[in-house]
Amino acid sequence: MAVSDSRDPDVINVVVYGVISWTLAFIFLRKLLPNRSFEFCNRIVSTLHACLAVTLASISVQNWRCPICPLASKSSPFQMQTLAVSCSYLIYDLVCCHFDNKVSLDNTIHHLVSIVGIAAGFAYQKCGSEMVAALWITEISSPFLHLREILKETGYKGTDLNLAADIGFAVIFSFARIVGGPYLTYMTLSSAVPFLIKAMALGLQLVSAYWFYKIVRMVRFKLNNRSTLKNS
């Protein structure tokens, strides 16, 4: 399938201005919270993005009876701009993590797969419904993910509140990525969409499956550890 020669200049502008905006937000937080860590400030920015991404993705759904419909269709301008906002964040976060010297291979792969997948959506200007659904699925659990680490730095590590955040994250992540994710991946792979988008969908699901394995281990460890402490 040929790639469309037309480009939406608004998408390029959203990505460029988005990277600048996320970076300025992080710098502002570093100035505002000098006693907090680099990671703490970055997680606040990440939480802001997750809330914004889920909101925009929800607004861009054309039919809630079938959120991923119409399949393999031309992306709407709002869907393209929604994806551009998240693409700008992913670029910012990919670079930002290197400055903190906390580069995770699986997280880097996740970011690169997502960026390439969104870029493919921009190039083909289709599959907006599927890609916005993927954005919703991948970001719906992110606020709880970042809340876990924010609570630890603010002195709530090992508390019931921190455990509740852990369990909340695990439940939402599992439902979204292990129930909704495979369904969305199957629908994408079985539809008439470009090969690159199919490959990125499969890659994202494989990363999600790996993270699910790590989350199950984390929850089991924490529950067993708390049980041991109560019985001692």
Protein backbone atom coordinates (compact mmCIF):
# COMPACT_ATOMS: atom_id res chain seq x y z
CA MET A 1 0.00 0.00 0.00
CA ALA A 2 1.44 3.35 -0.98
CA VAL A 3 2.13 5.95 1.65
CA SER A 4 0.17 9.16 1.24
CA ASP A 5 2.24 12.08 -0.05
CA SER A 6 0.20 14.62 1.90
CA ARG A 7 1.25 15.74 5.33
CA ASP A 8 -0.68 17.51 8.03
CA PRO A 9 1.50 20.45 9.14
CA ASP A 10 -0.53 20.74 12.35
CA VAL A 11 0.72 17.31 13.42
CA ILE A 12 4.34 18.34 12.98
CA ASN A 13 3.71 21.54 14.91
CA VAL A 14 1.98 19.66 17.74
CA VAL A 15 4.95 17.28 18.05
CA VAL A 16 7.55 20.07 18.04
CA TYR A 17 5.69 22.37 20.41
CA GLY A 18 4.74 19.38 22.53
CA VAL A 19 8.36 18.35 23.10
CA ILE A 20 9.17 21.95 24.06
CA SER A 21 6.16 22.16 26.39
CA TRP A 22 6.89 18.91 28.22
CA THR A 23 10.52 19.96 28.64
CA LEU A 24 9.56 23.39 30.01
CA ALA A 25 7.05 21.77 32.38
CA PHE A 26 9.80 19.52 33.73
CA ILE A 27 12.23 22.45 34.15
CA PHE A 28 9.52 24.43 35.95
CA LEU A 29 8.89 21.55 38.36
CA ARG A 30 12.62 21.20 39.03
CA LYS A 31 12.71 24.88 40.00
CA LEU A 32 9.47 24.66 41.98
CA LEU A 33 10.47 21.49 43.86
CA PRO A 34 14.25 21.76 44.39
CA ASN A 35 14.22 19.17 47.17
CA ARG A 36 12.61 16.50 45.03
CA SER A 37 14.50 14.13 42.78
CA PHE A 38 14.88 14.27 39.02
CA GLU A 39 12.68 11.18 38.71
CA PHE A 40 9.99 12.66 40.98
CA CYS A 41 9.56 15.70 38.74
CA ASN A 42 9.60 13.58 35.60
CA ARG A 43 6.89 11.33 37.01
CA ILE A 44 4.65 14.32 37.67
CA VAL A 45 5.06 15.33 34.02
CA SER A 46 4.34 11.73 33.02
CA THR A 47 1.19 11.70 35.15
CA LEU A 48 0.00 14.92 33.50
CA HIS A 49 0.55 13.35 30.09
CA ALA A 50 -1.26 10.14 31.03
CA CYS A 51 -4.34 12.06 32.23
CA LEU A 52 -4.30 14.27 29.13
CA ALA A 53 -3.77 11.32 26.77
CA VAL A 54 -6.65 9.29 28.23
CA THR A 55 -8.94 12.33 28.11
CA LEU A 56 -8.09 13.17 24.49
CA ALA A 57 -8.31 9.52 23.46
CA SER A 58 -11.74 9.21 25.05
CA ILE A 59 -12.98 12.38 23.31
CA SER A 60 -11.69 11.19 19.94
CA VAL A 61 -13.66 7.92 20.00
CA GLN A 62 -16.19 8.13 17.18
CA ASN A 63 -18.56 5.38 18.38
CA TRP A 64 -18.49 4.05 21.97
CA ARG A 65 -20.51 1.00 20.91
CA CYS A 66 -17.39 0.02 18.97
CA PRO A 67 -14.46 2.17 20.23
CA ILE A 68 -12.02 0.80 17.64
CA CYS A 69 -14.38 1.36 14.71
CA PRO A 70 -14.11 2.07 11.88
CA LEU A 71 -11.14 -0.27 11.42
CA ALA A 72 -8.33 0.59 9.01
CA SER A 73 -10.01 3.87 8.16
CA LYS A 74 -8.63 7.34 7.50
CA SER A 75 -7.62 9.05 10.73
CA SER A 76 -9.60 12.11 11.75
CA PRO A 77 -7.68 15.37 12.34
CA PHE A 78 -8.43 15.19 16.07
CA GLN A 79 -7.12 11.62 16.28
CA MET A 80 -3.93 12.68 14.51
CA GLN A 81 -3.44 15.59 16.90
CA THR A 82 -4.16 13.37 19.92
CA LEU A 83 -1.48 10.94 18.79
CA ALA A 84 0.88 13.85 18.11
CA VAL A 85 0.56 15.01 21.73
CA SER A 86 1.60 11.58 22.99
CA CYS A 87 4.33 11.26 20.37
CA SER A 88 5.84 14.52 21.64
CA TYR A 89 5.75 13.20 25.21
CA LEU A 90 7.37 9.90 24.24
CA ILE A 91 10.22 11.75 22.53
CA TYR A 92 10.66 14.00 25.58
CA ASP A 93 10.59 11.09 28.03
CA LEU A 94 12.97 8.97 25.95
CA VAL A 95 15.57 11.76 26.07
CA CYS A 96 14.81 12.79 29.66
CA CYS A 97 15.47 9.30 31.06
CA HIS A 98 18.99 9.39 29.61
CA PHE A 99 19.80 12.55 31.59
CA ASP A 100 18.82 10.73 34.79
CA ASN A 101 20.99 7.74 33.87
CA LYS A 102 18.02 5.43 34.50
CA VAL A 103 17.70 3.86 31.09
CA SER A 104 15.59 0.70 31.05
CA LEU A 105 15.87 -1.54 28.00
CA ASP A 106 12.23 -2.62 28.07
CA ASN A 107 11.03 0.96 28.58
CA THR A 108 13.27 2.18 25.75
CA ILE A 109 11.89 -0.51 23.45
CA HIS A 110 8.35 0.47 24.47
CA HIS A 111 9.02 4.12 23.66
CA LEU A 112 10.69 3.38 20.32
CA VAL A 113 7.94 0.96 19.24
CA SER A 114 5.29 3.51 20.17
CA ILE A 115 7.05 6.39 18.39
CA VAL A 116 7.60 4.34 15.22
CA GLY A 117 4.00 3.10 15.32
CA ILE A 118 2.59 6.62 15.69
CA ALA A 119 4.93 7.90 12.96
CA ALA A 120 3.63 5.15 10.67
CA GLY A 121 0.09 6.26 11.47
CA PHE A 122 1.05 9.81 10.49
CA ALA A 123 2.62 8.63 7.24
CA TYR A 124 -0.30 6.45 6.16
CA GLN A 125 -2.89 8.76 7.75
CA LYS A 126 -5.05 5.80 8.71
CA CYS A 127 -5.76 3.45 11.62
CA GLY A 128 -6.57 6.40 13.88
CA SER A 129 -9.29 4.47 15.73
CA GLU A 130 -7.00 1.54 16.53
CA MET A 131 -4.07 3.73 17.51
CA VAL A 132 -6.14 5.98 19.77
CA ALA A 133 -7.55 2.83 21.42
CA ALA A 134 -3.98 1.60 21.93
CA LEU A 135 -3.09 4.95 23.49
CA TRP A 136 -6.03 4.65 25.89
CA ILE A 137 -5.08 1.09 26.83
CA THR A 138 -1.41 1.89 27.44
CA GLU A 139 -1.98 5.09 29.44
CA ILE A 140 -5.01 4.25 31.60
CA SER A 141 -2.82 2.57 34.25
CA SER A 142 0.05 5.08 34.08
CA PRO A 143 -1.21 7.49 36.82
CA PHE A 144 -1.17 4.59 39.29
CA LEU A 145 2.27 3.52 38.08
CA HIS A 146 3.71 6.95 38.83
CA LEU A 147 1.70 7.35 42.04
CA ARG A 148 3.48 4.29 43.45
CA GLU A 149 6.89 5.93 43.09
CA ILE A 150 5.69 9.39 44.14
CA LEU A 151 4.31 7.92 47.38
CA LYS A 152 7.62 6.22 48.10
CA GLU A 153 9.56 9.49 47.79
CA THR A 154 7.07 11.38 49.95
CA GLY A 155 7.49 8.93 52.84
CA TYR A 156 4.64 6.48 52.24
CA LYS A 157 6.75 3.49 51.24
CA GLY A 158 5.50 0.29 52.85
CA THR A 159 2.17 1.81 53.92
CA ASP A 160 -1.32 0.56 53.14
CA LEU A 161 -1.73 3.53 50.78
CA ASN A 162 1.33 2.47 48.80
CA LEU A 163 0.06 -1.13 48.69
CA ALA A 164 -3.33 0.10 47.46
CA ALA A 165 -1.59 2.03 44.67
CA ASP A 166 0.39 -1.11 43.77
CA ILE A 167 -2.72 -3.27 43.61
CA GLY A 168 -4.71 -0.61 41.76
CA PHE A 169 -1.97 -0.34 39.16
CA ALA A 170 -1.67 -4.12 38.81
CA VAL A 171 -5.44 -4.61 38.36
CA ILE A 172 -5.92 -1.79 35.85
CA PHE A 173 -2.77 -2.70 33.91
CA SER A 174 -3.77 -6.36 33.75
CA PHE A 175 -7.31 -5.64 32.57
CA ALA A 176 -6.23 -3.07 29.99
CA ARG A 177 -3.15 -4.72 28.56
CA ILE A 178 -3.85 -8.42 29.04
CA VAL A 179 -7.58 -8.35 28.23
CA GLY A 180 -8.05 -5.31 25.99
CA GLY A 181 -4.55 -5.36 24.52
CA PRO A 182 -4.65 -8.83 22.91
CA TYR A 183 -8.12 -8.14 21.48
CA LEU A 184 -6.94 -4.88 19.93
CA THR A 185 -3.79 -6.57 18.63
CA TYR A 186 -5.82 -9.38 17.06
CA MET A 187 -8.18 -6.91 15.38
CA THR A 188 -5.23 -4.91 14.07
CA LEU A 189 -3.39 -7.96 12.75
CA SER A 190 -6.52 -9.31 11.05
CA SER A 191 -7.41 -5.99 9.40
CA ALA A 192 -6.16 -4.51 6.14
CA VAL A 193 -3.63 -2.17 7.77
CA PRO A 194 -0.02 -1.49 6.75
CA PHE A 195 2.53 -4.12 7.80
CA LEU A 196 4.56 -1.65 9.87
CA ILE A 197 1.55 -0.77 12.02
CA LYS A 198 0.82 -4.48 12.51
CA ALA A 199 4.43 -5.09 13.56
CA MET A 200 4.36 -2.22 16.04
CA ALA A 201 1.05 -3.46 17.51
CA LEU A 202 2.52 -6.91 18.05
CA GLY A 203 5.73 -5.47 19.51
CA LEU A 204 3.80 -3.32 21.96
CA GLN A 205 1.76 -6.31 23.10
CA LEU A 206 4.90 -8.39 23.66
CA VAL A 207 6.36 -5.63 25.87
CA SER A 208 3.06 -5.48 27.77
CA ALA A 209 3.15 -9.25 28.35
CA TYR A 210 6.69 -8.97 29.74
CA TRP A 211 5.66 -6.16 32.07
CA PHE A 212 2.64 -8.18 33.19
CA TYR A 213 5.01 -10.98 34.22
CA LYS A 214 7.10 -8.50 36.25
CA ILE A 215 3.98 -7.01 37.88
CA VAL A 216 2.71 -10.43 38.98
CA ARG A 217 6.08 -11.11 40.60
CA MET A 218 6.03 -7.70 42.31
CA VAL A 219 2.52 -8.15 43.75
CA ARG A 220 3.26 -11.67 44.97
CA PHE A 221 6.45 -10.49 46.66
CA LYS A 222 4.73 -7.56 48.42
CA LEU A 223 1.78 -9.62 49.60
CA ASN A 224 4.02 -12.42 50.86
CA ASN A 225 6.32 -9.91 52.56
CA ARG A 226 3.42 -8.21 54.37
CA SER A 227 2.04 -11.60 55.42
CA THR A 228 5.43 -12.56 56.82
CA LEU A 229 5.73 -9.28 58.77
CA LYS A 230 2.25 -9.69 60.29
CA ASN A 231 2.96 -13.26 61.38
CA SER A 232 6.37 -12.43 62.88
